[in-house]
Structure formats: structure tokens, C-alpha cells
Amino acid sequence: MKKTIYQYIIAGMFAAALWSCKKDEVKTIAQPGTAPALSATADTVILQKDHAGDNAVTFKWNASSFGFNGVVKYSLEFAKKGNNFATVKSVTADTLSKTLTIAELNTIANGLEVDNGVLANLEVRVKAIISNNYQAAYSNTQQLVVSSYLDLIDYPTMYAPGDYQGWNPAGAVKVVSLKSDKVYEGYAYFSAATTTFKFTSTDSWSGTNYGGTSAGNKGVLSTTGDNLQITGAGYYYLTLDLGSNAWSATATTWSMTGNAAKGWGEDLDLTYDAAKGLWSVTADLSAGEFKFRANHAYDINYGDNKPGDPFLNRDGGNIVVAEAGTYEVTLNLGIAGNYSYTLKKK
């Protein structure tokens, strides 16, 4: 009898253990996320740089459920209308709403390469995700029309104060590092037969100041060196390399070359206006293409990789003249790194 009771007890304990093991195997499986409902406080926003810090638009949405109480991460995705979000700019959100300033929305619009100063159609949606290994949930698409402005790119900057402007770093010619690689460049017009200057790391004398040697409008930089010197009046391409401590100044004149002008390899010369700080020419152009180049050579040349803005790119794509006619062409190299042009039909 006792043996039978013990057998029942052992069998009961085994069944309980087995039930416990099965209970431990219960797993929570995420379900497809529900689509958030997205809304916006505005459907058209005119972006103006003077109001860059103002709020532009607020987006709100409800929570997406994946079937359990896990952490859901949200982001807003922006795309040009009609490309099915093939190319997007994303902004993360810590809550169920996101307010963007004029400057933030303008950065998004420029990142999508919309044309500045005209109304552009964007699409916005919310992306909800619990893991990169699990399918995201997306909201409805919200239409947004914006008119963006062109914002200059801020590059690491140095200054070139000298006798040409009273040795004032804050008002001096700037040189910038386009790749943040300690190599700086910029353009400047010097009217005197001899110009002396230094490079400074800030817009005052309180930073690191560079002089050095000067021979043939180039030399070696030194923090304890003499003033640098450029011989000859002209429009100069300035470079300095803090890695090798080399500097140089190359005198330049500018022209257009291409089948829209006088032909590839031929030059339509521009004239420099020191008062305006611009190179320009008014000429009859053919339908075709051209580039700007220095000194009738391709060593320093600029094209346009993004016709939607006026900025030039070193060794960039050909600039298109869509229709023959008389054009006023200007070239502005005075804002370091943000080189630009205009092409206006008369």
C-alpha cells in the first residue's frame, strides 16, 4: 500500500515538473505592427532664412502596436512626391509627435535636392519599428508643400588678414577646408604690387597664427615665421595645407569653354569687377554646354553637379545652356567653398 502511495506521489511530481517545463516554453511572438495615423499642423510652408529658428510644422501620430508591450521606435521619413520613398531623409522622434523648425525642414528639403525658391511637393510618413530584423509599420502618407531657401555650407574656416585690409582677422579673406582634412582654399583679389599677410585659425589674433617663408608666391608655414608675401596684383587662388605646412597663391583669370561658347578648348574671357567682386561677360551663347576654367586650362575648372542650385563643383558636370541667345553670365568665387554663378538671358 505504501509503495502504491509513493508511486502516485512520484508520478504527480513528475507531471507537475513536466507542466512547469511546458509553461516555461511559452514564447511571445510579435505581430505585424498597426499603421499609425499621421497628421500635420500645416500642408504648405514657405521657408525663410530670417525665421530659421521658428517652428515650421508639427507632426502627430498614434502608437503602433506589435502585439506586446515592447519598445517601439519612430521616425519621420520625407521624400519627393512620386518616388515611392525610394530616397528619403529621416528624422527620429522620441514621442508621438515631432516639431520641426524652419531651418530643420529646409535642411531636409535641400537634402532631397528640391529647387530653391519654388513650391516643391514632398511626402511624409511615420516609420514604426521594434527591431531591424522585423518588418516595420508605416503610417498614411501626408502631403507637404515647401518653398526652400539655399543655405550656405559652413566649412572649417581660417582667415588671411594682411596689409590689404588693415590686419583685421574678422574682416579678412576666408579660406575653408572643403573636406575637413586640414587643406584649405579660397579666392582673393589683391590690388597692390606686393601684399603681406598671415593665416589665423580664428577671426582674432587669439588663436594660432601662421607666417613662414615666401618665394614665388608659395612657401612653408610656421607659427613663428615672418609675414607671408604675394608679389603681383591680381585675383588669386589661395591654398594652405596644415598637414604639410605648405601654402601657395596662384594668379587666375577666368573664362568659359564649351560648345555653348566658342568651342571646347577655346575661351570666352570674363572680366573682373573689383567693386562687385564678380567675374562676368555678356555674350551670344549657343544651345549647348560649357565650364568655367582658370588661365585657359583645365587644372582649375568648375561645373555644376546640381543644376537646381547655383553652386559650382570642382571638376563638376557641364553647365547646360538650353536655348541660344544673349546671356549675362556671372561667376562669384568670393564666398569660400560656396562658389556660384548666374546665367541670365537678356
Protein backbone atom coordinates (compact mmCIF):
# COMPACT_ATOMS: atom_id res chain seq x y z
CA MET A 1 0.00 0.00 0.00
CA LYS A 2 2.74 2.46 0.96
CA LYS A 3 4.55 1.61 -2.26
CA THR A 4 1.46 2.47 -4.30
CA ILE A 5 1.09 5.83 -2.50
CA TYR A 6 4.72 6.64 -3.14
CA GLN A 7 4.25 5.78 -6.81
CA TYR A 8 1.32 8.20 -7.05
CA ILE A 9 3.31 10.93 -5.34
CA ILE A 10 6.29 10.47 -7.66
CA ALA A 11 4.01 10.42 -10.73
CA GLY A 12 2.32 13.63 -9.56
CA MET A 13 5.63 15.36 -9.02
CA PHE A 14 6.80 14.32 -12.48
CA ALA A 15 3.59 15.61 -14.09
CA ALA A 16 3.95 18.93 -12.26
CA ALA A 17 7.54 19.28 -13.39
CA LEU A 18 6.56 18.44 -16.94
CA TRP A 19 3.74 21.02 -16.86
CA SER A 20 6.18 23.58 -15.48
CA CYS A 21 8.64 22.93 -18.31
CA LYS A 22 5.91 23.32 -20.88
CA LYS A 23 4.84 26.58 -19.27
CA ASP A 24 8.41 27.88 -19.49
CA GLU A 25 8.41 27.23 -23.23
CA VAL A 26 5.58 29.72 -23.88
CA LYS A 27 7.03 32.47 -26.11
CA THR A 28 5.77 35.94 -27.04
CA ILE A 29 5.65 36.40 -30.82
CA ALA A 30 5.38 39.91 -32.24
CA GLN A 31 2.54 40.60 -34.61
CA PRO A 32 2.67 42.89 -37.66
CA GLY A 33 2.56 46.47 -36.42
CA THR A 34 -0.57 48.55 -36.79
CA ALA A 35 -0.30 51.60 -39.04
CA PRO A 36 -0.03 54.89 -37.13
CA ALA A 37 -2.42 57.66 -38.18
CA LEU A 38 -0.31 60.68 -39.14
CA SER A 39 -1.48 64.30 -39.17
CA ALA A 40 0.27 67.67 -39.60
CA THR A 41 -0.45 71.22 -38.47
CA ALA A 42 0.30 72.59 -41.96
CA ASP A 43 0.29 71.34 -45.53
CA THR A 44 2.19 74.28 -47.09
CA VAL A 45 5.23 76.02 -45.57
CA ILE A 46 7.19 78.93 -47.06
CA LEU A 47 10.67 78.67 -45.57
CA GLN A 48 12.60 81.90 -44.95
CA LYS A 49 16.10 82.12 -43.53
CA ASP A 50 15.24 85.18 -41.42
CA HIS A 51 12.88 82.91 -39.44
CA ALA A 52 15.14 79.87 -39.30
CA GLY A 53 14.53 79.31 -35.58
CA ASP A 54 10.73 79.47 -35.79
CA ASN A 55 8.59 76.34 -35.77
CA ALA A 56 7.53 75.26 -39.26
CA VAL A 57 5.23 72.27 -38.73
CA THR A 58 4.29 69.69 -36.09
CA PHE A 59 3.53 66.07 -36.96
CA LYS A 60 1.47 63.87 -34.66
CA TRP A 61 0.54 60.18 -34.76
CA ASN A 62 -0.87 57.44 -32.55
CA ALA A 63 1.08 54.47 -31.24
CA SER A 64 1.71 51.40 -33.35
CA SER A 65 1.02 48.06 -31.67
CA PHE A 66 3.11 44.97 -32.38
CA GLY A 67 1.08 42.71 -30.07
CA PHE A 68 3.12 43.09 -26.87
CA ASN A 69 4.47 45.80 -24.60
CA GLY A 70 7.84 46.31 -26.29
CA VAL A 71 9.78 49.45 -27.16
CA VAL A 72 8.60 50.91 -30.47
CA LYS A 73 10.91 53.39 -32.20
CA TYR A 74 9.52 56.06 -34.52
CA SER A 75 10.96 58.20 -37.29
CA LEU A 76 9.56 60.57 -39.88
CA GLU A 77 10.51 59.88 -43.49
CA PHE A 78 10.48 62.62 -46.14
CA ALA A 79 10.64 62.05 -49.88
CA LYS A 80 9.93 63.85 -53.13
CA LYS A 81 6.40 63.23 -54.26
CA GLY A 82 6.13 60.40 -56.74
CA ASN A 83 9.30 58.41 -56.00
CA ASN A 84 7.59 55.98 -53.59
CA PHE A 85 10.05 56.82 -50.80
CA ALA A 86 12.92 55.34 -52.79
CA THR A 87 15.13 58.17 -51.47
CA VAL A 88 14.28 59.51 -48.03
CA LYS A 89 15.54 61.87 -45.35
CA SER A 90 14.73 60.60 -41.86
CA VAL A 91 14.21 62.34 -38.52
CA THR A 92 13.94 60.29 -35.32
CA ALA A 93 11.24 61.02 -32.74
CA ASP A 94 11.23 60.14 -29.04
CA THR A 95 7.49 60.71 -28.58
CA LEU A 96 4.32 60.51 -30.68
CA SER A 97 4.92 63.95 -32.16
CA LYS A 98 7.72 65.93 -33.78
CA THR A 99 8.05 69.66 -34.34
CA LEU A 100 10.48 70.88 -36.99
CA THR A 101 11.89 74.39 -37.22
CA ILE A 102 12.21 76.34 -40.45
CA ALA A 103 15.95 75.54 -40.54
CA GLU A 104 15.42 71.81 -39.91
CA LEU A 105 12.77 71.47 -42.59
CA ASN A 106 14.90 73.48 -45.01
CA THR A 107 17.83 71.10 -44.42
CA ILE A 108 15.56 68.16 -45.22
CA ALA A 109 14.28 69.83 -48.41
CA ASN A 110 17.80 70.68 -49.60
CA GLY A 111 18.91 67.14 -48.76
CA LEU A 112 16.22 65.90 -51.16
CA GLU A 113 17.64 68.27 -53.80
CA VAL A 114 14.46 70.22 -54.46
CA ASP A 115 14.73 73.51 -56.36
CA ASN A 116 15.01 76.52 -54.08
CA GLY A 117 12.56 79.39 -54.13
CA VAL A 118 9.74 77.45 -55.81
CA LEU A 119 7.00 75.26 -54.39
CA ALA A 120 8.08 71.63 -54.13
CA ASN A 121 5.84 68.66 -53.32
CA LEU A 122 7.02 66.33 -50.59
CA GLU A 123 5.52 63.26 -48.97
CA VAL A 124 5.87 62.36 -45.31
CA ARG A 125 5.19 59.17 -43.39
CA VAL A 126 5.94 57.68 -39.98
CA LYS A 127 8.02 54.53 -39.68
CA ALA A 128 7.48 52.36 -36.58
CA ILE A 129 9.93 49.59 -35.78
CA ILE A 130 10.77 47.25 -32.90
CA SER A 131 13.85 45.64 -34.47
CA ASN A 132 15.89 45.85 -37.63
CA ASN A 133 15.12 42.16 -38.05
CA TYR A 134 11.36 42.68 -38.02
CA GLN A 135 9.12 44.32 -40.59
CA ALA A 136 8.40 47.99 -39.95
CA ALA A 137 4.95 49.52 -39.88
CA TYR A 138 4.18 52.67 -41.84
CA SER A 139 1.56 55.37 -41.45
CA ASN A 140 -0.58 57.01 -44.05
CA THR A 141 1.27 59.44 -46.35
CA GLN A 142 0.93 63.14 -45.57
CA GLN A 143 1.38 65.67 -48.39
CA LEU A 144 3.61 68.67 -47.66
CA VAL A 145 4.42 71.59 -49.98
CA VAL A 146 7.52 73.64 -49.15
CA SER A 147 9.45 76.52 -50.67
CA SER A 148 13.05 76.18 -49.50
CA TYR A 149 15.99 78.57 -49.48
CA LEU A 150 19.61 77.99 -50.33
CA ASP A 151 21.71 77.86 -47.20
CA LEU A 152 25.45 78.31 -47.43
CA ILE A 153 27.55 75.37 -46.29
CA ASP A 154 29.64 76.06 -43.20
CA TYR A 155 33.15 74.67 -43.65
CA PRO A 156 36.08 74.73 -41.22
CA THR A 157 37.48 78.22 -41.72
CA MET A 158 40.75 80.12 -41.42
CA TYR A 159 41.45 83.79 -42.11
CA ALA A 160 44.10 85.73 -44.06
CA PRO A 161 44.47 89.20 -42.50
CA GLY A 162 47.10 91.49 -44.03
CA ASP A 163 48.11 94.96 -45.08
CA TYR A 164 45.46 94.93 -47.82
CA GLN A 165 42.70 95.37 -45.18
CA GLY A 166 44.35 96.72 -42.03
CA TRP A 167 45.41 93.42 -40.42
CA ASN A 168 41.92 92.73 -39.06
CA PRO A 169 41.22 88.95 -38.88
CA ALA A 170 37.46 89.41 -38.51
CA GLY A 171 37.25 91.28 -41.83
CA ALA A 172 39.84 89.25 -43.71
CA VAL A 173 39.61 86.90 -46.66
CA LYS A 174 38.47 83.43 -45.60
CA VAL A 175 39.83 80.07 -46.68
CA VAL A 176 37.92 76.85 -45.95
CA SER A 177 38.54 73.12 -45.75
CA LEU A 178 36.03 71.52 -48.12
CA LYS A 179 36.77 68.00 -46.85
CA SER A 180 37.70 68.89 -43.25
CA ASP A 181 41.14 67.46 -43.98
CA LYS A 182 43.36 70.40 -42.94
CA VAL A 183 43.63 71.53 -46.57
CA TYR A 184 42.16 75.00 -47.08
CA GLU A 185 41.34 77.09 -50.13
CA GLY A 186 39.75 80.36 -51.18
CA TYR A 187 39.98 83.24 -53.62
CA ALA A 188 41.05 86.85 -53.08
CA TYR A 189 41.77 89.96 -55.11
CA PHE A 190 44.90 91.92 -54.17
CA SER A 191 45.37 95.29 -55.89
CA ALA A 192 48.86 96.15 -54.62
CA ALA A 193 52.09 95.14 -56.28
CA THR A 194 53.07 93.40 -53.03
CA THR A 195 50.72 92.03 -50.38
CA THR A 196 51.80 90.81 -46.94
CA PHE A 197 49.55 88.73 -44.71
CA LYS A 198 49.27 85.83 -42.30
CA PHE A 199 46.83 82.96 -41.80
CA THR A 200 44.92 82.79 -38.50
CA SER A 201 42.88 79.94 -37.05
CA THR A 202 40.19 82.26 -35.68
CA ASP A 203 38.72 85.66 -36.52
CA SER A 204 41.03 87.27 -33.96
CA TRP A 205 44.71 87.08 -33.06
CA SER A 206 43.97 84.87 -30.05
CA GLY A 207 44.22 81.60 -32.00
CA THR A 208 47.11 80.02 -33.87
CA ASN A 209 48.77 82.39 -36.32
CA TYR A 210 50.87 81.28 -39.29
CA GLY A 211 53.63 83.13 -41.10
CA GLY A 212 56.54 81.44 -42.82
CA THR A 213 58.68 81.58 -45.90
CA SER A 214 57.71 83.20 -49.20
CA ALA A 215 59.32 82.57 -52.57
CA GLY A 216 57.48 82.74 -55.89
CA ASN A 217 54.11 83.19 -54.13
CA LYS A 218 54.43 79.96 -52.15
CA GLY A 219 56.34 78.65 -49.17
CA VAL A 220 56.32 76.83 -45.85
CA LEU A 221 54.14 77.82 -42.91
CA SER A 222 55.42 78.39 -39.39
CA THR A 223 53.81 79.67 -36.21
CA THR A 224 56.94 81.74 -35.57
CA GLY A 225 57.63 82.81 -39.17
CA ASP A 226 57.64 86.20 -40.88
CA ASN A 227 54.67 87.67 -42.70
CA LEU A 228 53.78 85.84 -45.90
CA GLN A 229 54.13 87.75 -49.16
CA ILE A 230 52.43 87.72 -52.56
CA THR A 231 54.08 89.60 -55.42
CA GLY A 232 51.89 90.98 -58.17
CA ALA A 233 48.38 92.43 -58.25
CA GLY A 234 45.66 90.02 -59.29
CA TYR A 235 42.94 87.55 -58.42
CA TYR A 236 44.49 84.67 -56.50
CA TYR A 237 43.60 81.10 -55.65
CA LEU A 238 44.94 80.63 -52.10
CA THR A 239 45.76 77.23 -50.62
CA LEU A 240 47.32 76.03 -47.39
CA ASP A 241 47.89 72.55 -46.07
CA LEU A 242 48.34 72.23 -42.31
CA GLY A 243 49.46 68.65 -42.82
CA SER A 244 52.49 69.54 -44.93
CA ASN A 245 52.64 73.21 -43.83
CA ALA A 246 52.71 74.33 -47.46
CA TRP A 247 50.96 77.40 -48.84
CA SER A 248 50.57 78.87 -52.31
CA ALA A 249 48.88 81.68 -54.22
CA THR A 250 48.07 81.15 -57.91
CA ALA A 251 47.11 84.18 -60.01
CA THR A 252 44.00 83.45 -62.08
CA THR A 253 41.94 84.85 -64.92
CA TRP A 254 38.64 83.20 -65.82
CA SER A 255 36.85 82.14 -68.96
CA MET A 256 34.10 79.90 -70.33
CA THR A 257 34.90 76.99 -72.59
CA GLY A 258 32.48 74.69 -74.40
CA ASN A 259 30.24 74.36 -77.43
CA ALA A 260 27.81 76.84 -75.91
CA ALA A 261 30.55 79.49 -76.11
CA LYS A 262 33.48 79.43 -78.57
CA GLY A 263 34.02 75.67 -78.52
CA TRP A 264 35.74 73.17 -76.24
CA GLY A 265 39.33 74.20 -75.69
CA GLU A 266 38.57 77.75 -76.83
CA ASP A 267 37.90 80.54 -74.33
CA LEU A 268 35.30 83.24 -73.87
CA ASP A 269 37.02 85.52 -71.35
CA LEU A 270 35.30 87.02 -68.31
CA THR A 271 36.13 90.44 -66.84
CA TYR A 272 36.64 91.05 -63.13
CA ASP A 273 34.78 93.86 -61.36
CA ALA A 274 36.66 94.58 -58.13
CA ALA A 275 33.82 96.71 -56.72
CA LYS A 276 31.29 93.89 -57.10
CA GLY A 277 33.75 91.05 -56.53
CA LEU A 278 32.41 89.27 -59.63
CA TRP A 279 33.67 87.92 -62.93
CA SER A 280 31.21 88.47 -65.79
CA VAL A 281 30.59 88.58 -69.52
CA THR A 282 27.62 89.34 -71.74
CA ALA A 283 27.75 87.28 -74.90
CA ASP A 284 25.78 85.37 -77.51
CA LEU A 285 25.65 81.71 -76.48
CA SER A 286 24.55 78.68 -78.44
CA ALA A 287 22.41 75.87 -77.09
CA GLY A 288 24.99 73.53 -75.63
CA GLU A 289 27.29 73.17 -72.65
CA PHE A 290 30.24 74.91 -71.02
CA LYS A 291 32.51 75.08 -67.98
CA PHE A 292 34.38 77.81 -66.17
CA ARG A 293 38.16 77.43 -66.13
CA ALA A 294 41.17 79.35 -64.86
CA ASN A 295 44.07 80.52 -67.01
CA HIS A 296 42.75 78.90 -70.20
CA ALA A 297 43.50 75.46 -68.78
CA TYR A 298 41.59 72.64 -67.07
CA ASP A 299 43.78 72.43 -63.96
CA ILE A 300 41.23 74.54 -62.09
CA ASN A 301 37.74 74.21 -63.57
CA TYR A 302 34.18 74.29 -62.30
CA GLY A 303 30.96 72.72 -63.49
CA ASP A 304 27.58 72.11 -61.91
CA ASN A 305 26.58 68.73 -60.49
CA LYS A 306 23.19 70.00 -59.29
CA PRO A 307 21.54 72.45 -61.71
CA GLY A 308 18.78 73.08 -59.17
CA ASP A 309 21.11 75.31 -57.16
CA PRO A 310 23.64 77.94 -58.25
CA PHE A 311 26.66 76.31 -56.62
CA LEU A 312 29.64 75.14 -58.63
CA ASN A 313 31.67 71.96 -58.21
CA ARG A 314 35.38 71.50 -58.88
CA ASP A 315 35.68 69.26 -61.97
CA GLY A 316 31.88 69.14 -62.00
CA GLY A 317 29.40 68.38 -64.75
CA ASN A 318 28.97 70.58 -67.80
CA ILE A 319 26.67 73.59 -67.41
CA VAL A 320 23.77 73.47 -69.87
CA VAL A 321 22.52 76.36 -71.98
CA ALA A 322 19.11 75.15 -73.06
CA GLU A 323 18.35 77.88 -75.60
CA ALA A 324 20.54 80.07 -77.79
CA GLY A 325 20.54 83.79 -77.09
CA THR A 326 22.32 86.71 -75.48
CA TYR A 327 23.23 85.97 -71.86
CA GLU A 328 24.74 87.81 -68.93
CA VAL A 329 27.00 85.33 -67.13
CA THR A 330 28.48 85.97 -63.69
CA LEU A 331 30.98 83.94 -61.68
CA ASN A 332 31.29 84.51 -57.92
CA LEU A 333 34.29 82.92 -56.22
CA GLY A 334 34.27 85.31 -53.28
CA ILE A 335 32.44 83.10 -50.75
CA ALA A 336 34.98 80.41 -49.92
CA GLY A 337 33.67 76.93 -50.71
CA ASN A 338 30.28 78.25 -51.85
CA TYR A 339 31.28 79.21 -55.39
CA SER A 340 28.34 80.22 -57.57
CA TYR A 341 27.24 81.55 -60.96
CA THR A 342 24.27 83.08 -62.73
CA LEU A 343 23.11 82.62 -66.30
CA LYS A 344 20.52 85.23 -67.32
CA LYS A 345 19.08 85.57 -70.77
CA LYS A 346 18.78 89.20 -71.92
